[in-house]
Amino acid sequence: MSLLVSGPEQVTVYPTADVDDGYGGTKPGPGAPVTIRARVLPTTTGQSGEAGYLTGTEYRVYARSLPAGPWSRVEWAGQVWTVVGEPQRFGGSRRLAHDVATIRKRG
């Protein structure tokens, strides 16, 4: 079994869906939740925070398929996270294909 399929973490992803904005258009909103198994590892940062300020907590989520986008919400470890940027999609063979997203704690 692949390390990507049998990840030790359970992550709930709320993919972005277009919702009515009340003015006749659409805006990004939360979609139906999807629960996946993934590996979640801390990221390393080359930046130090300003004196007296905390740096943001960021992790990387590795999964076989990650239905997330730039405005997606992620629930993991009892906390709410947001996806930073667009997830990276790695192709190649079926065995090696996977998605990686950086998440940042909300609040």
C-alpha atoms as a PDB file:
ATOM      1  CA  MET A   1       0.000   0.000   0.000  1.00  0.00           C
ATOM      2  CA  SER A   2       1.240   3.456  -0.901  1.00  0.00           C
ATOM      3  CA  LEU A   3       2.307   5.983   1.736  1.00  0.00           C
ATOM      4  CA  LEU A   4       0.016   8.480   0.015  1.00  0.00           C
ATOM      5  CA  VAL A   5      -3.063   6.272   0.300  1.00  0.00           C
ATOM      6  CA  SER A   6      -2.555   5.192   3.910  1.00  0.00           C
ATOM      7  CA  GLY A   7      -1.669   8.546   5.434  1.00  0.00           C
ATOM      8  CA  PRO A   8      -1.929   8.699   9.234  1.00  0.00           C
ATOM      9  CA  GLU A   9      -3.951  11.946   9.281  1.00  0.00           C
ATOM     10  CA  GLN A  10      -7.629  12.442   8.517  1.00  0.00           C
ATOM     11  CA  VAL A  11      -8.194  15.767   6.765  1.00  0.00           C
ATOM     12  CA  THR A  12     -11.542  17.303   5.817  1.00  0.00           C
ATOM     13  CA  VAL A  13     -11.370  19.564   2.768  1.00  0.00           C
ATOM     14  CA  TYR A  14     -14.116  22.014   1.815  1.00  0.00           C
ATOM     15  CA  PRO A  15     -13.458  22.621  -1.904  1.00  0.00           C
ATOM     16  CA  THR A  16     -14.350  25.979  -3.391  1.00  0.00           C
ATOM     17  CA  ALA A  17     -17.692  26.160  -5.175  1.00  0.00           C
ATOM     18  CA  ASP A  18     -19.363  29.090  -6.904  1.00  0.00           C
ATOM     19  CA  VAL A  19     -22.218  30.474  -4.788  1.00  0.00           C
ATOM     20  CA  ASP A  20     -24.673  33.302  -5.478  1.00  0.00           C
ATOM     21  CA  ASP A  21     -23.395  36.674  -4.277  1.00  0.00           C
ATOM     22  CA  GLY A  22     -26.878  38.233  -4.054  1.00  0.00           C
ATOM     23  CA  TYR A  23     -26.218  40.643  -6.924  1.00  0.00           C
ATOM     24  CA  GLY A  24     -26.768  38.272  -9.841  1.00  0.00           C
ATOM     25  CA  GLY A  25     -23.176  37.015  -9.938  1.00  0.00           C
ATOM     26  CA  THR A  26     -21.153  34.367  -8.182  1.00  0.00           C
ATOM     27  CA  LYS A  27     -18.388  34.307  -5.600  1.00  0.00           C
ATOM     28  CA  PRO A  28     -16.188  31.556  -4.127  1.00  0.00           C
ATOM     29  CA  GLY A  29     -17.827  29.722  -1.242  1.00  0.00           C
ATOM     30  CA  PRO A  30     -17.497  26.418   0.617  1.00  0.00           C
ATOM     31  CA  GLY A  31     -18.518  23.265  -1.205  1.00  0.00           C
ATOM     32  CA  ALA A  32     -19.467  19.822   0.100  1.00  0.00           C
ATOM     33  CA  PRO A  33     -16.846  18.438   2.526  1.00  0.00           C
ATOM     34  CA  VAL A  34     -14.504  15.658   1.394  1.00  0.00           C
ATOM     35  CA  THR A  35     -12.624  13.556   3.968  1.00  0.00           C
ATOM     36  CA  ILE A  36      -9.271  12.124   2.862  1.00  0.00           C
ATOM     37  CA  ARG A  37      -6.266  10.329   4.353  1.00  0.00           C
ATOM     38  CA  ALA A  38      -3.070  12.359   4.034  1.00  0.00           C
ATOM     39  CA  ARG A  39       0.371  13.044   5.423  1.00  0.00           C
ATOM     40  CA  VAL A  40       0.741  16.439   7.062  1.00  0.00           C
ATOM     41  CA  LEU A  41       4.278  17.701   7.664  1.00  0.00           C
ATOM     42  CA  PRO A  42       5.554  21.042   8.969  1.00  0.00           C
ATOM     43  CA  THR A  43       7.158  23.414   6.487  1.00  0.00           C
ATOM     44  CA  THR A  44      10.481  25.082   6.994  1.00  0.00           C
ATOM     45  CA  THR A  45      10.650  28.805   6.669  1.00  0.00           C
ATOM     46  CA  GLY A  46      13.540  30.963   5.638  1.00  0.00           C
ATOM     47  CA  GLN A  47      11.914  34.039   7.112  1.00  0.00           C
ATOM     48  CA  SER A  48      12.146  35.173  10.686  1.00  0.00           C
ATOM     49  CA  GLY A  49       9.289  37.125  12.154  1.00  0.00           C
ATOM     50  CA  GLU A  50       9.453  40.766  13.061  1.00  0.00           C
ATOM     51  CA  ALA A  51      10.541  41.472  16.603  1.00  0.00           C
ATOM     52  CA  GLY A  52       7.544  40.989  18.871  1.00  0.00           C
ATOM     53  CA  TYR A  53       5.353  39.278  16.245  1.00  0.00           C
ATOM     54  CA  LEU A  54       4.519  35.617  15.842  1.00  0.00           C
ATOM     55  CA  THR A  55       5.149  33.897  12.534  1.00  0.00           C
ATOM     56  CA  GLY A  56       2.282  32.021  10.903  1.00  0.00           C
ATOM     57  CA  THR A  57       2.011  28.276  11.388  1.00  0.00           C
ATOM     58  CA  GLU A  58       2.190  26.423   8.068  1.00  0.00           C
ATOM     59  CA  TYR A  59       2.093  22.746   7.106  1.00  0.00           C
ATOM     60  CA  ARG A  60       2.165  20.794   3.846  1.00  0.00           C
ATOM     61  CA  VAL A  61      -0.524  18.259   3.048  1.00  0.00           C
ATOM     62  CA  TYR A  62       0.493  15.325   0.832  1.00  0.00           C
ATOM     63  CA  ALA A  63      -2.328  13.234  -0.648  1.00  0.00           C
ATOM     64  CA  ARG A  64      -3.042  11.061  -3.665  1.00  0.00           C
ATOM     65  CA  SER A  65      -5.796  13.456  -4.722  1.00  0.00           C
ATOM     66  CA  LEU A  66      -6.464  16.751  -2.969  1.00  0.00           C
ATOM     67  CA  PRO A  67      -9.674  18.525  -4.034  1.00  0.00           C
ATOM     68  CA  ALA A  68      -8.502  21.931  -2.828  1.00  0.00           C
ATOM     69  CA  GLY A  69      -7.942  25.341  -4.329  1.00  0.00           C
ATOM     70  CA  PRO A  70      -6.762  28.792  -3.253  1.00  0.00           C
ATOM     71  CA  TRP A  71      -9.937  29.600  -1.274  1.00  0.00           C
ATOM     72  CA  SER A  72     -10.531  26.141   0.168  1.00  0.00           C
ATOM     73  CA  ARG A  73     -10.959  25.510   3.872  1.00  0.00           C
ATOM     74  CA  VAL A  74      -9.282  22.563   5.598  1.00  0.00           C
ATOM     75  CA  GLU A  75     -10.085  21.045   8.990  1.00  0.00           C
ATOM     76  CA  TRP A  76      -7.267  19.086  10.582  1.00  0.00           C
ATOM     77  CA  ALA A  77      -6.204  18.359  14.166  1.00  0.00           C
ATOM     78  CA  GLY A  78      -9.312  20.083  15.517  1.00  0.00           C
ATOM     79  CA  GLN A  79      -8.415  23.410  13.894  1.00  0.00           C
ATOM     80  CA  VAL A  80      -9.418  25.314  10.762  1.00  0.00           C
ATOM     81  CA  TRP A  81      -6.783  26.030   8.092  1.00  0.00           C
ATOM     82  CA  THR A  82      -6.767  27.799   4.739  1.00  0.00           C
ATOM     83  CA  VAL A  83      -4.969  26.694   1.574  1.00  0.00           C
ATOM     84  CA  VAL A  84      -2.146  29.050   0.553  1.00  0.00           C
ATOM     85  CA  GLY A  85      -2.058  29.446  -3.233  1.00  0.00           C
ATOM     86  CA  GLU A  86      -2.762  26.712  -5.730  1.00  0.00           C
ATOM     87  CA  PRO A  87      -1.939  23.096  -4.754  1.00  0.00           C
ATOM     88  CA  GLN A  88       0.925  21.519  -6.683  1.00  0.00           C
ATOM     89  CA  ARG A  89      -0.031  18.541  -8.799  1.00  0.00           C
ATOM     90  CA  PHE A  90       2.699  16.004  -9.521  1.00  0.00           C
ATOM     91  CA  GLY A  91       2.044  13.622 -12.400  1.00  0.00           C
ATOM     92  CA  GLY A  92       4.280  10.895 -13.651  1.00  0.00           C
ATOM     93  CA  SER A  93       3.246   7.297 -13.199  1.00  0.00           C
ATOM     94  CA  ARG A  94       0.031   6.262 -11.454  1.00  0.00           C
ATOM     95  CA  ARG A  95       2.020   5.152  -8.422  1.00  0.00           C
ATOM     96  CA  LEU A  96       3.838   8.460  -8.006  1.00  0.00           C
ATOM     97  CA  ALA A  97       1.077  10.947  -8.862  1.00  0.00           C
ATOM     98  CA  HIS A  98       0.103  13.097  -5.876  1.00  0.00           C
ATOM     99  CA  ASP A  99      -0.956  16.569  -4.782  1.00  0.00           C
ATOM    100  CA  VAL A 100       0.738  18.883  -2.279  1.00  0.00           C
ATOM    101  CA  ALA A 101      -0.855  21.939  -0.675  1.00  0.00           C
ATOM    102  CA  THR A 102       0.442  24.411   1.891  1.00  0.00           C
ATOM    103  CA  ILE A 103      -2.029  25.226   4.648  1.00  0.00           C
ATOM    104  CA  ARG A 104      -1.948  28.109   7.122  1.00  0.00           C
ATOM    105  CA  LYS A 105      -3.835  28.347  10.392  1.00  0.00           C
ATOM    106  CA  ARG A 106      -6.803  30.721  10.301  1.00  0.00           C
ATOM    107  CA  GLY A 107      -7.295  33.344  12.922  1.00  0.00           C
END
